[in-house]
Amino acid sequence: YIAGLFILMTSVIIVKGKTLSILLYFGFNML
């Protein structure tokens, strides 16, 4: 659960809070 939050936070920071963060989050999870 904590790892998922860190992945999500990384995604949010990279694209500065845009909705694209969710797609990036799924991409990181797949990786």
PDB file of all heavy atoms in Angstrom:
ATOM      1  N   TYR A   1       0.830  -1.205   0.000  1.00  0.00           N
ATOM      2  CA  TYR A   1       0.000   0.000   0.000  1.00  0.00           C
ATOM      3  C   TYR A   1       0.870   1.262   0.000  1.00  0.00           C
ATOM      4  O   TYR A   1       0.646   2.190  -0.785  1.00  0.00           O
ATOM      5  CB  TYR A   1      -0.916  -0.015   1.214  1.00  0.00           C
ATOM      6  CG  TYR A   1      -1.609   1.292   1.481  1.00  0.00           C
ATOM      7  CD1 TYR A   1      -2.651   1.728   0.675  1.00  0.00           C
ATOM      8  CD2 TYR A   1      -1.204   2.105   2.537  1.00  0.00           C
ATOM      9  CE1 TYR A   1      -3.276   2.935   0.915  1.00  0.00           C
ATOM     10  CE2 TYR A   1      -1.824   3.311   2.785  1.00  0.00           C
ATOM     11  CZ  TYR A   1      -2.863   3.725   1.967  1.00  0.00           C
ATOM     12  OH  TYR A   1      -3.476   4.928   2.205  1.00  0.00           O
ATOM     13  N   ILE A   2       1.888   1.284   0.871  1.00  0.00           N
ATOM     14  CA  ILE A   2       2.775   2.445   0.946  1.00  0.00           C
ATOM     15  C   ILE A   2       3.551   2.609  -0.355  1.00  0.00           C
ATOM     16  O   ILE A   2       3.735   3.728  -0.855  1.00  0.00           O
ATOM     17  CB  ILE A   2       3.737   2.307   2.143  1.00  0.00           C
ATOM     18  CG1 ILE A   2       2.943   2.311   3.454  1.00  0.00           C
ATOM     19  CG2 ILE A   2       4.764   3.438   2.150  1.00  0.00           C
ATOM     20  CD1 ILE A   2       3.784   2.030   4.690  1.00  0.00           C
ATOM     21  N   ALA A   3       4.010   1.490  -0.941  1.00  0.00           N
ATOM     22  CA  ALA A   3       4.721   1.549  -2.216  1.00  0.00           C
ATOM     23  C   ALA A   3       3.826   2.143  -3.300  1.00  0.00           C
ATOM     24  O   ALA A   3       4.283   2.954  -4.122  1.00  0.00           O
ATOM     25  CB  ALA A   3       5.191   0.152  -2.619  1.00  0.00           C
ATOM     26  N   GLY A   4       2.544   1.760  -3.302  1.00  0.00           N
ATOM     27  CA  GLY A   4       1.614   2.321  -4.283  1.00  0.00           C
ATOM     28  C   GLY A   4       1.474   3.828  -4.132  1.00  0.00           C
ATOM     29  O   GLY A   4       1.413   4.560  -5.133  1.00  0.00           O
ATOM     30  N   LEU A   5       1.442   4.319  -2.895  1.00  0.00           N
ATOM     31  CA  LEU A   5       1.352   5.765  -2.664  1.00  0.00           C
ATOM     32  C   LEU A   5       2.606   6.487  -3.153  1.00  0.00           C
ATOM     33  O   LEU A   5       2.521   7.570  -3.732  1.00  0.00           O
ATOM     34  CB  LEU A   5       1.134   6.055  -1.179  1.00  0.00           C
ATOM     35  CG  LEU A   5      -0.267   5.826  -0.623  1.00  0.00           C
ATOM     36  CD1 LEU A   5      -0.314   6.197   0.848  1.00  0.00           C
ATOM     37  CD2 LEU A   5      -1.302   6.643  -1.393  1.00  0.00           C
ATOM     38  N   PHE A   6       3.774   5.884  -2.925  1.00  0.00           N
ATOM     39  CA  PHE A   6       5.011   6.507  -3.392  1.00  0.00           C
ATOM     40  C   PHE A   6       5.074   6.528  -4.919  1.00  0.00           C
ATOM     41  O   PHE A   6       5.561   7.500  -5.512  1.00  0.00           O
ATOM     42  CB  PHE A   6       6.224   5.779  -2.814  1.00  0.00           C
ATOM     43  CG  PHE A   6       6.654   6.298  -1.476  1.00  0.00           C
ATOM     44  CD1 PHE A   6       6.188   5.726  -0.301  1.00  0.00           C
ATOM     45  CD2 PHE A   6       7.517   7.376  -1.377  1.00  0.00           C
ATOM     46  CE1 PHE A   6       6.572   6.214   0.937  1.00  0.00           C
ATOM     47  CE2 PHE A   6       7.911   7.873  -0.146  1.00  0.00           C
ATOM     48  CZ  PHE A   6       7.440   7.287   1.020  1.00  0.00           C
ATOM     49  N   ILE A   7       4.587   5.459  -5.553  1.00  0.00           N
ATOM     50  CA  ILE A   7       4.539   5.442  -7.016  1.00  0.00           C
ATOM     51  C   ILE A   7       3.593   6.526  -7.525  1.00  0.00           C
ATOM     52  O   ILE A   7       3.903   7.253  -8.486  1.00  0.00           O
ATOM     53  CB  ILE A   7       4.098   4.056  -7.525  1.00  0.00           C
ATOM     54  CG1 ILE A   7       5.155   3.002  -7.200  1.00  0.00           C
ATOM     55  CG2 ILE A   7       3.848   4.093  -9.036  1.00  0.00           C
ATOM     56  CD1 ILE A   7       4.724   1.578  -7.515  1.00  0.00           C
ATOM     57  N   LEU A   8       2.433   6.655  -6.872  1.00  0.00           N
ATOM     58  CA  LEU A   8       1.469   7.679  -7.265  1.00  0.00           C
ATOM     59  C   LEU A   8       2.031   9.075  -7.049  1.00  0.00           C
ATOM     60  O   LEU A   8       1.872   9.963  -7.903  1.00  0.00           O
ATOM     61  CB  LEU A   8       0.171   7.492  -6.482  1.00  0.00           C
ATOM     62  CG  LEU A   8      -0.982   8.438  -6.839  1.00  0.00           C
ATOM     63  CD1 LEU A   8      -1.348   8.323  -8.316  1.00  0.00           C
ATOM     64  CD2 LEU A   8      -2.195   8.143  -5.971  1.00  0.00           C
ATOM     65  N   MET A   9       2.718   9.294  -5.935  1.00  0.00           N
ATOM     66  CA  MET A   9       3.292  10.605  -5.668  1.00  0.00           C
ATOM     67  C   MET A   9       4.382  10.944  -6.674  1.00  0.00           C
ATOM     68  O   MET A   9       4.491  12.097  -7.122  1.00  0.00           O
ATOM     69  CB  MET A   9       3.864  10.658  -4.247  1.00  0.00           C
ATOM     70  CG  MET A   9       4.264  12.069  -3.822  1.00  0.00           C
ATOM     71  SD  MET A   9       4.509  12.203  -2.040  1.00  0.00           S
ATOM     72  CE  MET A   9       4.491  13.986  -1.841  1.00  0.00           C
ATOM     73  N   THR A  10       5.179   9.949  -7.057  1.00  0.00           N
ATOM     74  CA  THR A  10       6.195  10.169  -8.082  1.00  0.00           C
ATOM     75  C   THR A  10       5.545  10.594  -9.391  1.00  0.00           C
ATOM     76  O   THR A  10       6.006  11.535 -10.060  1.00  0.00           O
ATOM     77  CB  THR A  10       7.024   8.884  -8.303  1.00  0.00           C
ATOM     78  OG1 THR A  10       7.620   8.490  -7.075  1.00  0.00           O
ATOM     79  CG2 THR A  10       8.112   9.109  -9.344  1.00  0.00           C
ATOM     80  N   SER A  11       4.467   9.918  -9.759  1.00  0.00           N
ATOM     81  CA  SER A  11       3.757  10.245 -10.989  1.00  0.00           C
ATOM     82  C   SER A  11       3.194  11.664 -10.937  1.00  0.00           C
ATOM     83  O   SER A  11       3.274  12.412 -11.916  1.00  0.00           O
ATOM     84  CB  SER A  11       2.616   9.242 -11.223  1.00  0.00           C
ATOM     85  OG  SER A  11       3.095   7.917 -11.225  1.00  0.00           O
ATOM     86  N   VAL A  12       2.618  12.032  -9.789  1.00  0.00           N
ATOM     87  CA  VAL A  12       2.040  13.369  -9.626  1.00  0.00           C
ATOM     88  C   VAL A  12       3.119  14.441  -9.740  1.00  0.00           C
ATOM     89  O   VAL A  12       2.923  15.472 -10.410  1.00  0.00           O
ATOM     90  CB  VAL A  12       1.314  13.478  -8.269  1.00  0.00           C
ATOM     91  CG1 VAL A  12       0.954  14.925  -7.956  1.00  0.00           C
ATOM     92  CG2 VAL A  12       0.059  12.614  -8.275  1.00  0.00           C
ATOM     93  N   ILE A  13       4.263  14.214  -9.114  1.00  0.00           N
ATOM     94  CA  ILE A  13       5.341  15.202  -9.144  1.00  0.00           C
ATOM     95  C   ILE A  13       5.914  15.356 -10.547  1.00  0.00           C
ATOM     96  O   ILE A  13       6.181  16.475 -11.004  1.00  0.00           O
ATOM     97  CB  ILE A  13       6.444  14.815  -8.138  1.00  0.00           C
ATOM     98  CG1 ILE A  13       5.937  15.001  -6.708  1.00  0.00           C
ATOM     99  CG2 ILE A  13       7.707  15.641  -8.359  1.00  0.00           C
ATOM    100  CD1 ILE A  13       6.877  14.493  -5.640  1.00  0.00           C
ATOM    101  N   ILE A  14       6.077  14.252 -11.269  1.00  0.00           N
ATOM    102  CA  ILE A  14       6.688  14.307 -12.605  1.00  0.00           C
ATOM    103  C   ILE A  14       5.862  15.164 -13.557  1.00  0.00           C
ATOM    104  O   ILE A  14       6.401  15.966 -14.331  1.00  0.00           O
ATOM    105  CB  ILE A  14       6.870  12.879 -13.169  1.00  0.00           C
ATOM    106  CG1 ILE A  14       7.993  12.157 -12.422  1.00  0.00           C
ATOM    107  CG2 ILE A  14       7.190  12.922 -14.667  1.00  0.00           C
ATOM    108  CD1 ILE A  14       8.167  10.712 -12.822  1.00  0.00           C
ATOM    109  N   VAL A  15       4.539  15.000 -13.527  1.00  0.00           N
ATOM    110  CA  VAL A  15       3.685  15.758 -14.466  1.00  0.00           C
ATOM    111  C   VAL A  15       2.947  16.902 -13.773  1.00  0.00           C
ATOM    112  O   VAL A  15       1.978  17.444 -14.307  1.00  0.00           O
ATOM    113  CB  VAL A  15       2.680  14.818 -15.177  1.00  0.00           C
ATOM    114  CG1 VAL A  15       3.401  13.819 -16.040  1.00  0.00           C
ATOM    115  CG2 VAL A  15       1.782  14.106 -14.180  1.00  0.00           C
ATOM    116  N   LYS A  16       3.390  17.256 -12.570  1.00  0.00           N
ATOM    117  CA  LYS A  16       2.881  18.413 -11.833  1.00  0.00           C
ATOM    118  C   LYS A  16       1.369  18.373 -11.597  1.00  0.00           C
ATOM    119  O   LYS A  16       0.657  19.352 -11.820  1.00  0.00           O
ATOM    120  CB  LYS A  16       3.259  19.703 -12.557  1.00  0.00           C
ATOM    121  CG  LYS A  16       4.760  19.959 -12.612  1.00  0.00           C
ATOM    122  CD  LYS A  16       5.083  21.296 -13.247  1.00  0.00           C
ATOM    123  CE  LYS A  16       6.572  21.562 -13.226  1.00  0.00           C
ATOM    124  NZ  LYS A  16       6.919  22.875 -13.818  1.00  0.00           N
ATOM    125  N   GLY A  17       0.883  17.211 -11.156  1.00  0.00           N
ATOM    126  CA  GLY A  17      -0.497  17.107 -10.725  1.00  0.00           C
ATOM    127  C   GLY A  17      -1.534  16.973 -11.813  1.00  0.00           C
ATOM    128  O   GLY A  17      -2.732  16.999 -11.519  1.00  0.00           O
ATOM    129  N   LYS A  18      -1.119  16.798 -13.056  1.00  0.00           N
ATOM    130  CA  LYS A  18      -2.092  16.646 -14.144  1.00  0.00           C
ATOM    131  C   LYS A  18      -2.735  15.265 -14.087  1.00  0.00           C
ATOM    132  O   LYS A  18      -2.192  14.331 -13.500  1.00  0.00           O
ATOM    133  CB  LYS A  18      -1.412  16.857 -15.493  1.00  0.00           C
ATOM    134  CG  LYS A  18      -0.850  18.270 -15.669  1.00  0.00           C
ATOM    135  CD  LYS A  18      -0.121  18.406 -16.987  1.00  0.00           C
ATOM    136  CE  LYS A  18       0.478  19.802 -17.122  1.00  0.00           C
ATOM    137  NZ  LYS A  18       1.294  19.940 -18.349  1.00  0.00           N
ATOM    138  N   THR A  19      -3.905  15.150 -14.739  1.00  0.00           N
ATOM    139  CA  THR A  19      -4.626  13.879 -14.732  1.00  0.00           C
ATOM    140  C   THR A  19      -3.801  12.768 -15.383  1.00  0.00           C
ATOM    141  O   THR A  19      -4.004  11.583 -15.090  1.00  0.00           O
ATOM    142  CB  THR A  19      -5.969  14.032 -15.467  1.00  0.00           C
ATOM    143  OG1 THR A  19      -6.660  15.160 -14.921  1.00  0.00           O
ATOM    144  CG2 THR A  19      -6.841  12.801 -15.299  1.00  0.00           C
ATOM    145  N   LEU A  20      -2.868  13.151 -16.237  1.00  0.00           N
ATOM    146  CA  LEU A  20      -1.971  12.183 -16.868  1.00  0.00           C
ATOM    147  C   LEU A  20      -1.195  11.376 -15.826  1.00  0.00           C
ATOM    148  O   LEU A  20      -0.684  10.291 -16.125  1.00  0.00           O
ATOM    149  CB  LEU A  20      -0.997  12.918 -17.798  1.00  0.00           C
ATOM    150  CG  LEU A  20      -0.032  12.086 -18.645  1.00  0.00           C
ATOM    151  CD1 LEU A  20      -0.814  11.205 -19.612  1.00  0.00           C
ATOM    152  CD2 LEU A  20       0.932  12.985 -19.393  1.00  0.00           C
ATOM    153  N   SER A  21      -1.137  11.894 -14.595  1.00  0.00           N
ATOM    154  CA  SER A  21      -0.446  11.197 -13.504  1.00  0.00           C
ATOM    155  C   SER A  21      -0.990   9.784 -13.309  1.00  0.00           C
ATOM    156  O   SER A  21      -0.231   8.859 -13.012  1.00  0.00           O
ATOM    157  CB  SER A  21      -0.606  11.963 -12.188  1.00  0.00           C
ATOM    158  OG  SER A  21      -0.250  13.300 -12.315  1.00  0.00           O
ATOM    159  N   ILE A  22      -2.308   9.619 -13.487  1.00  0.00           N
ATOM    160  CA  ILE A  22      -2.924   8.309 -13.261  1.00  0.00           C
ATOM    161  C   ILE A  22      -2.431   7.302 -14.298  1.00  0.00           C
ATOM    162  O   ILE A  22      -2.114   6.152 -13.966  1.00  0.00           O
ATOM    163  CB  ILE A  22      -4.461   8.430 -13.294  1.00  0.00           C
ATOM    164  CG1 ILE A  22      -4.928   9.315 -12.131  1.00  0.00           C
ATOM    165  CG2 ILE A  22      -5.122   7.060 -13.204  1.00  0.00           C
ATOM    166  CD1 ILE A  22      -6.418   9.564 -12.096  1.00  0.00           C
ATOM    167  N   LEU A  23      -2.335   7.734 -15.563  1.00  0.00           N
ATOM    168  CA  LEU A  23      -1.805   6.842 -16.604  1.00  0.00           C
ATOM    169  C   LEU A  23      -0.346   6.502 -16.330  1.00  0.00           C
ATOM    170  O   LEU A  23       0.077   5.352 -16.508  1.00  0.00           O
ATOM    171  CB  LEU A  23      -1.950   7.494 -17.982  1.00  0.00           C
ATOM    172  CG  LEU A  23      -3.379   7.716 -18.484  1.00  0.00           C
ATOM    173  CD1 LEU A  23      -3.361   8.416 -19.841  1.00  0.00           C
ATOM    174  CD2 LEU A  23      -4.121   6.395 -18.579  1.00  0.00           C
ATOM    175  N   LEU A  24       0.407   7.507 -15.903  1.00  0.00           N
ATOM    176  CA  LEU A  24       1.811   7.265 -15.573  1.00  0.00           C
ATOM    177  C   LEU A  24       1.928   6.309 -14.391  1.00  0.00           C
ATOM    178  O   LEU A  24       2.806   5.440 -14.357  1.00  0.00           O
ATOM    179  CB  LEU A  24       2.497   8.597 -15.254  1.00  0.00           C
ATOM    180  CG  LEU A  24       4.022   8.567 -15.068  1.00  0.00           C
ATOM    181  CD1 LEU A  24       4.708   8.044 -16.321  1.00  0.00           C
ATOM    182  CD2 LEU A  24       4.534   9.958 -14.721  1.00  0.00           C
ATOM    183  N   TYR A  25       1.022   6.445 -13.439  1.00  0.00           N
ATOM    184  CA  TYR A  25       0.975   5.546 -12.278  1.00  0.00           C
ATOM    185  C   TYR A  25       0.758   4.095 -12.715  1.00  0.00           C
ATOM    186  O   TYR A  25       1.449   3.189 -12.249  1.00  0.00           O
ATOM    187  CB  TYR A  25      -0.142   6.012 -11.345  1.00  0.00           C
ATOM    188  CG  TYR A  25      -0.545   5.022 -10.279  1.00  0.00           C
ATOM    189  CD1 TYR A  25       0.266   4.796  -9.166  1.00  0.00           C
ATOM    190  CD2 TYR A  25      -1.749   4.318 -10.385  1.00  0.00           C
ATOM    191  CE1 TYR A  25      -0.119   3.893  -8.187  1.00  0.00           C
ATOM    192  CE2 TYR A  25      -2.130   3.419  -9.411  1.00  0.00           C
ATOM    193  CZ  TYR A  25      -1.309   3.220  -8.312  1.00  0.00           C
ATOM    194  OH  TYR A  25      -1.686   2.319  -7.350  1.00  0.00           O
ATOM    195  N   PHE A  26      -0.190   3.886 -13.622  1.00  0.00           N
ATOM    196  CA  PHE A  26      -0.426   2.530 -14.123  1.00  0.00           C
ATOM    197  C   PHE A  26       0.789   2.010 -14.886  1.00  0.00           C
ATOM    198  O   PHE A  26       1.131   0.823 -14.804  1.00  0.00           O
ATOM    199  CB  PHE A  26      -1.670   2.497 -15.012  1.00  0.00           C
ATOM    200  CG  PHE A  26      -2.959   2.545 -14.251  1.00  0.00           C
ATOM    201  CD1 PHE A  26      -3.872   3.562 -14.454  1.00  0.00           C
ATOM    202  CD2 PHE A  26      -3.272   1.569 -13.316  1.00  0.00           C
ATOM    203  CE1 PHE A  26      -5.066   3.613 -13.753  1.00  0.00           C
ATOM    204  CE2 PHE A  26      -4.454   1.597 -12.601  1.00  0.00           C
ATOM    205  CZ  PHE A  26      -5.355   2.625 -12.827  1.00  0.00           C
ATOM    206  N   GLY A  27       1.430   2.893 -15.641  1.00  0.00           N
ATOM    207  CA  GLY A  27       2.632   2.488 -16.365  1.00  0.00           C
ATOM    208  C   GLY A  27       3.749   2.058 -15.427  1.00  0.00           C
ATOM    209  O   GLY A  27       4.402   1.021 -15.646  1.00  0.00           O
ATOM    210  N   PHE A  28       3.976   2.840 -14.374  1.00  0.00           N
ATOM    211  CA  PHE A  28       4.995   2.471 -13.373  1.00  0.00           C
ATOM    212  C   PHE A  28       4.644   1.154 -12.694  1.00  0.00           C
ATOM    213  O   PHE A  28       5.517   0.318 -12.430  1.00  0.00           O
ATOM    214  CB  PHE A  28       5.129   3.578 -12.325  1.00  0.00           C
ATOM    215  CG  PHE A  28       5.963   4.744 -12.753  1.00  0.00           C
ATOM    216  CD1 PHE A  28       5.604   6.041 -12.415  1.00  0.00           C
ATOM    217  CD2 PHE A  28       7.123   4.558 -13.487  1.00  0.00           C
ATOM    218  CE1 PHE A  28       6.371   7.124 -12.802  1.00  0.00           C
ATOM    219  CE2 PHE A  28       7.906   5.641 -13.885  1.00  0.00           C
ATOM    220  CZ  PHE A  28       7.522   6.930 -13.540  1.00  0.00           C
ATOM    221  N   ASN A  29       3.352   0.966 -12.398  1.00  0.00           N
ATOM    222  CA  ASN A  29       2.925  -0.280 -11.756  1.00  0.00           C
ATOM    223  C   ASN A  29       3.169  -1.487 -12.655  1.00  0.00           C
ATOM    224  O   ASN A  29       3.575  -2.550 -12.176  1.00  0.00           O
ATOM    225  CB  ASN A  29       1.440  -0.206 -11.382  1.00  0.00           C
ATOM    226  CG  ASN A  29       1.223   0.298  -9.968  1.00  0.00           C
ATOM    227  OD1 ASN A  29       1.881  -0.151  -9.037  1.00  0.00           O
ATOM    228  ND2 ASN A  29       0.324   1.236  -9.803  1.00  0.00           N
ATOM    229  N   MET A  30       2.902  -1.316 -13.942  1.00  0.00           N
ATOM    230  CA  MET A  30       3.169  -2.395 -14.888  1.00  0.00           C
ATOM    231  C   MET A  30       4.659  -2.713 -14.942  1.00  0.00           C
ATOM    232  O   MET A  30       5.064  -3.884 -14.965  1.00  0.00           O
ATOM    233  CB  MET A  30       2.649  -2.017 -16.280  1.00  0.00           C
ATOM    234  CG  MET A  30       1.139  -1.970 -16.387  1.00  0.00           C
ATOM    235  SD  MET A  30       0.555  -1.363 -17.988  1.00  0.00           S
ATOM    236  CE  MET A  30       1.203  -2.648 -19.063  1.00  0.00           C
ATOM    237  N   LEU A  31       5.477  -1.666 -14.952  1.00  0.00           N
ATOM    238  CA  LEU A  31       6.931  -1.865 -14.974  1.00  0.00           C
ATOM    239  C   LEU A  31       7.399  -2.585 -13.717  1.00  0.00           C
ATOM    240  O   LEU A  31       8.189  -3.544 -13.790  1.00  0.00           O
ATOM    241  CB  LEU A  31       7.632  -0.511 -15.107  1.00  0.00           C
ATOM    242  CG  LEU A  31       9.166  -0.526 -15.082  1.00  0.00           C
ATOM    243  CD1 LEU A  31       9.705  -1.326 -16.279  1.00  0.00           C
ATOM    244  CD2 LEU A  31       9.713   0.898 -15.100  1.00  0.00           C
TER     245      LEU A  31
END
